[in-house]
Amino acid sequence: MRNRLPELRRERTWSQQQLADVLGVSRQTVISIERGRFDPSLPLAFRLARVFECPIEAIFDDADSTQE
């Protein structure tokens, strides 16, 4: 799943560790989400949306979906 997490994090000038601390997860989790290797749980996706004050859909894009 593609996401805008690196962009949103940089807009706030946060490091990956700072975001991890805010979310209560490891830095490795943030790295994995940013690189698309790990899809966050729904509760974590909601925390991200609250932290960045935007809907979940503004952060994540289901790259596997096809629209005809």
N, C-alpha and C. Protein backbone atom coordinates (compact mmCIF):
# COMPACT_ATOMS: atom_id res chain seq x y z
N MET A 1 0.85 -1.17 0.00
CA MET A 1 0.00 0.00 0.00
C MET A 1 0.90 1.24 0.00
N ARG A 2 0.66 2.11 -0.94
CA ARG A 2 1.42 3.37 -0.98
C ARG A 2 0.91 4.31 0.10
N ASN A 3 1.80 5.21 0.54
CA ASN A 3 1.38 6.17 1.56
C ASN A 3 2.17 7.46 1.44
N ARG A 4 1.65 8.49 2.08
CA ARG A 4 2.27 9.81 2.09
C ARG A 4 2.99 10.07 3.41
N LEU A 5 3.23 9.04 4.17
CA LEU A 5 3.80 9.20 5.50
C LEU A 5 5.14 9.95 5.50
N PRO A 6 6.09 9.60 4.63
CA PRO A 6 7.36 10.35 4.65
C PRO A 6 7.16 11.85 4.39
N GLU A 7 6.29 12.14 3.44
CA GLU A 7 6.02 13.54 3.10
C GLU A 7 5.38 14.28 4.28
N LEU A 8 4.38 13.67 4.89
CA LEU A 8 3.70 14.30 6.02
C LEU A 8 4.66 14.48 7.20
N ARG A 9 5.51 13.48 7.42
CA ARG A 9 6.47 13.55 8.52
C ARG A 9 7.47 14.68 8.28
N ARG A 10 7.98 14.79 7.06
CA ARG A 10 8.95 15.84 6.74
C ARG A 10 8.34 17.23 6.84
N GLU A 11 7.05 17.36 6.49
CA GLU A 11 6.39 18.67 6.61
C GLU A 11 6.44 19.17 8.05
N ARG A 12 6.45 18.26 8.99
CA ARG A 12 6.52 18.62 10.41
C ARG A 12 7.96 18.61 10.92
N THR A 13 8.89 18.33 10.04
CA THR A 13 10.32 18.21 10.36
C THR A 13 10.58 17.22 11.49
N TRP A 14 9.83 16.13 11.48
CA TRP A 14 10.01 15.07 12.47
C TRP A 14 10.92 13.99 11.90
N SER A 15 11.72 13.42 12.76
CA SER A 15 12.49 12.24 12.39
C SER A 15 11.58 11.02 12.47
N GLN A 16 12.05 9.92 11.94
CA GLN A 16 11.27 8.69 12.07
C GLN A 16 11.13 8.31 13.53
N GLN A 17 12.16 8.54 14.32
CA GLN A 17 12.10 8.22 15.74
C GLN A 17 11.09 9.09 16.47
N GLN A 18 11.03 10.38 16.13
CA GLN A 18 10.06 11.27 16.76
C GLN A 18 8.63 10.82 16.46
N LEU A 19 8.37 10.45 15.21
CA LEU A 19 7.03 9.97 14.87
C LEU A 19 6.74 8.67 15.61
N ALA A 20 7.71 7.79 15.66
CA ALA A 20 7.52 6.52 16.39
C ALA A 20 7.17 6.79 17.84
N ASP A 21 7.86 7.74 18.47
CA ASP A 21 7.59 8.07 19.86
C ASP A 21 6.17 8.61 20.05
N VAL A 22 5.73 9.46 19.14
CA VAL A 22 4.37 10.01 19.20
C VAL A 22 3.33 8.90 19.07
N LEU A 23 3.62 7.94 18.19
CA LEU A 23 2.67 6.85 17.93
C LEU A 23 2.76 5.71 18.94
N GLY A 24 3.87 5.65 19.67
CA GLY A 24 4.06 4.55 20.61
C GLY A 24 4.44 3.25 19.93
N VAL A 25 5.22 3.37 18.84
CA VAL A 25 5.70 2.20 18.10
C VAL A 25 7.21 2.32 17.94
N SER A 26 7.84 1.31 17.38
CA SER A 26 9.28 1.36 17.16
C SER A 26 9.59 2.14 15.88
N ARG A 27 10.82 2.62 15.80
CA ARG A 27 11.28 3.30 14.59
C ARG A 27 11.22 2.34 13.41
N GLN A 28 11.51 1.07 13.64
CA GLN A 28 11.46 0.07 12.58
C GLN A 28 10.05 -0.05 12.00
N THR A 29 9.04 0.10 12.85
CA THR A 29 7.65 0.06 12.37
C THR A 29 7.39 1.22 11.44
N VAL A 30 7.82 2.41 11.82
CA VAL A 30 7.63 3.60 10.96
C VAL A 30 8.35 3.40 9.63
N ILE A 31 9.58 2.91 9.68
CA ILE A 31 10.34 2.66 8.45
C ILE A 31 9.60 1.67 7.55
N SER A 32 9.11 0.60 8.13
CA SER A 32 8.41 -0.43 7.34
C SER A 32 7.13 0.10 6.72
N ILE A 33 6.40 0.92 7.45
CA ILE A 33 5.17 1.51 6.90
C ILE A 33 5.54 2.46 5.76
N GLU A 34 6.53 3.33 6.00
CA GLU A 34 6.92 4.29 4.97
C GLU A 34 7.36 3.60 3.68
N ARG A 35 8.03 2.48 3.80
CA ARG A 35 8.52 1.76 2.62
C ARG A 35 7.49 0.83 2.01
N GLY A 36 6.31 0.76 2.60
CA GLY A 36 5.25 -0.08 2.08
C GLY A 36 5.44 -1.55 2.35
N ARG A 37 6.31 -1.89 3.29
CA ARG A 37 6.54 -3.30 3.63
C ARG A 37 5.59 -3.79 4.70
N PHE A 38 4.91 -2.87 5.36
CA PHE A 38 4.03 -3.23 6.47
C PHE A 38 2.81 -2.33 6.41
N ASP A 39 1.64 -2.94 6.42
CA ASP A 39 0.39 -2.16 6.49
C ASP A 39 0.01 -2.05 7.97
N PRO A 40 -0.24 -0.83 8.42
CA PRO A 40 -0.55 -0.66 9.84
C PRO A 40 -1.91 -1.27 10.20
N SER A 41 -2.03 -1.62 11.46
CA SER A 41 -3.33 -2.07 11.95
C SER A 41 -4.31 -0.90 11.87
N LEU A 42 -5.57 -1.18 11.96
CA LEU A 42 -6.57 -0.12 11.91
C LEU A 42 -6.40 0.88 13.06
N PRO A 43 -6.18 0.41 14.30
CA PRO A 43 -5.95 1.40 15.37
C PRO A 43 -4.74 2.29 15.10
N LEU A 44 -3.66 1.73 14.55
CA LEU A 44 -2.49 2.54 14.25
C LEU A 44 -2.78 3.51 13.10
N ALA A 45 -3.53 3.08 12.12
CA ALA A 45 -3.91 3.98 11.02
C ALA A 45 -4.74 5.15 11.54
N PHE A 46 -5.63 4.89 12.48
CA PHE A 46 -6.41 5.97 13.09
C PHE A 46 -5.51 6.92 13.89
N ARG A 47 -4.51 6.38 14.61
CA ARG A 47 -3.58 7.24 15.35
C ARG A 47 -2.81 8.13 14.38
N LEU A 48 -2.37 7.56 13.27
CA LEU A 48 -1.67 8.36 12.26
C LEU A 48 -2.56 9.49 11.74
N ALA A 49 -3.81 9.16 11.46
CA ALA A 49 -4.74 10.17 10.97
C ALA A 49 -4.94 11.29 11.99
N ARG A 50 -5.03 10.93 13.26
CA ARG A 50 -5.18 11.95 14.30
C ARG A 50 -3.92 12.80 14.42
N VAL A 51 -2.76 12.17 14.38
CA VAL A 51 -1.49 12.90 14.50
C VAL A 51 -1.35 13.91 13.36
N PHE A 52 -1.68 13.50 12.15
CA PHE A 52 -1.52 14.37 11.00
C PHE A 52 -2.79 15.16 10.66
N GLU A 53 -3.82 15.01 11.49
CA GLU A 53 -5.07 15.77 11.36
C GLU A 53 -5.64 15.69 9.94
N CYS A 54 -5.75 14.45 9.44
CA CYS A 54 -6.34 14.25 8.12
C CYS A 54 -6.99 12.86 8.10
N PRO A 55 -7.87 12.61 7.14
CA PRO A 55 -8.49 11.29 7.04
C PRO A 55 -7.46 10.22 6.65
N ILE A 56 -7.73 9.01 7.03
CA ILE A 56 -6.85 7.89 6.70
C ILE A 56 -6.60 7.84 5.19
N GLU A 57 -7.63 8.10 4.41
CA GLU A 57 -7.51 8.04 2.96
C GLU A 57 -6.54 9.08 2.41
N ALA A 58 -6.28 10.14 3.17
CA ALA A 58 -5.32 11.16 2.73
C ALA A 58 -3.88 10.71 2.97
N ILE A 59 -3.70 9.65 3.77
CA ILE A 59 -2.37 9.13 4.07
C ILE A 59 -2.07 7.91 3.23
N PHE A 60 -3.06 7.00 3.11
CA PHE A 60 -2.84 5.72 2.44
C PHE A 60 -3.62 5.62 1.14
N ASP A 61 -3.01 4.96 0.16
CA ASP A 61 -3.64 4.72 -1.13
C ASP A 61 -3.51 3.24 -1.44
N ASP A 62 -4.62 2.58 -1.67
CA ASP A 62 -4.59 1.16 -1.99
C ASP A 62 -4.10 1.01 -3.43
N ALA A 63 -2.80 0.82 -3.57
CA ALA A 63 -2.19 0.73 -4.90
C ALA A 63 -2.63 -0.50 -5.67
N ASP A 64 -3.20 -1.49 -4.98
CA ASP A 64 -3.63 -2.72 -5.64
C ASP A 64 -5.01 -2.60 -6.28
N SER A 65 -5.74 -1.58 -5.90
CA SER A 65 -7.10 -1.46 -6.46
C SER A 65 -7.02 -0.92 -7.88
N THR A 66 -7.90 -1.42 -8.73
CA THR A 66 -7.98 -0.95 -10.10
C THR A 66 -9.36 -0.40 -10.34
N GLN A 67 -9.38 0.75 -10.97
CA GLN A 67 -10.66 1.38 -11.28
C GLN A 67 -10.81 1.41 -12.79
N GLU A 68 -11.94 0.97 -13.26
CA GLU A 68 -12.18 0.94 -14.70
C GLU A 68 -13.22 1.95 -15.07
